[in-house]
Amino acid sequence: MPAGRQPSPCVRQCCLDGDQCLGCGRLLNEIVEWGQASDQRQLQIIAAARLRREQRKGPVDDNA
């Protein structure tokens, strides 16, 4: 299976809390897997990481 071509979600603010990066929201195994993951898998990782970041931050007030 060819590796995916999605841009890495890394934001260069790497800090692990357990196995989750507080910068990009990926889990350690997803970070390790990234280079070999298919496009579809990379998109799944991006979506899961985005959800984790949103859950960690809580509600965002765009009017603040």
Protein backbone atom coordinates (compact mmCIF):
# COMPACT_ATOMS: atom_id res chain seq x y z
CA MET A 1 0.00 0.00 0.00
CA PRO A 2 1.53 3.36 -0.98
CA ALA A 3 2.11 5.93 1.74
CA GLY A 4 -0.30 8.85 1.90
CA ARG A 5 0.39 12.36 0.76
CA GLN A 6 -1.40 14.41 3.41
CA PRO A 7 0.67 17.17 5.04
CA SER A 8 1.75 16.26 8.52
CA PRO A 9 -0.50 17.72 11.22
CA CYS A 10 2.60 18.39 13.34
CA VAL A 11 2.64 21.98 14.66
CA ARG A 12 6.14 21.74 16.17
CA GLN A 13 4.80 22.08 19.72
CA CYS A 14 5.50 18.51 20.75
CA CYS A 15 4.72 17.68 24.35
CA LEU A 16 3.37 14.29 25.30
CA ASP A 17 0.69 13.82 27.96
CA GLY A 18 0.72 10.05 28.33
CA ASP A 19 0.68 8.93 24.69
CA GLN A 20 -1.03 12.04 23.25
CA CYS A 21 0.83 14.99 21.75
CA LEU A 22 -0.58 18.22 23.17
CA GLY A 23 0.52 20.11 20.05
CA CYS A 24 -1.09 18.17 17.20
CA GLY A 25 -3.41 15.83 19.13
CA ARG A 26 -2.04 12.63 17.63
CA LEU A 27 -1.34 9.56 19.70
CA LEU A 28 2.23 8.28 19.82
CA ASN A 29 1.38 5.24 17.67
CA GLU A 30 -0.24 7.56 15.07
CA ILE A 31 2.90 9.71 14.96
CA VAL A 32 5.05 6.62 14.39
CA GLU A 33 2.60 5.25 11.79
CA TRP A 34 2.26 8.53 9.84
CA GLY A 35 5.01 8.05 7.23
CA GLN A 36 3.73 4.64 6.15
CA ALA A 37 -0.01 5.34 6.45
CA SER A 38 -2.24 5.47 3.37
CA ASP A 39 -4.06 8.69 2.43
CA GLN A 40 -7.27 7.29 3.91
CA ARG A 41 -5.55 6.38 7.18
CA GLN A 42 -3.83 9.79 7.34
CA LEU A 43 -7.21 11.48 6.95
CA GLN A 44 -8.58 9.31 9.79
CA ILE A 45 -5.63 10.29 11.99
CA ILE A 46 -6.12 13.99 11.19
CA ALA A 47 -9.83 13.81 12.08
CA ALA A 48 -9.19 11.92 15.33
CA ALA A 49 -6.40 14.34 16.33
CA ARG A 50 -8.62 17.36 15.60
CA LEU A 51 -11.36 15.90 17.80
CA ARG A 52 -8.89 15.25 20.64
CA ARG A 53 -7.59 18.83 20.46
CA GLU A 54 -11.13 20.23 20.51
CA GLN A 55 -12.08 18.04 23.48
CA ARG A 56 -8.99 19.14 25.38
CA LYS A 57 -9.61 22.85 24.76
CA GLY A 58 -13.34 22.75 25.49
CA PRO A 59 -15.80 25.17 23.89
CA VAL A 60 -14.32 28.02 21.88
CA ASP A 61 -15.92 31.48 21.97
CA ASP A 62 -15.25 33.13 18.61
CA ASN A 63 -16.52 36.46 19.96
CA ALA A 64 -13.91 36.67 22.71
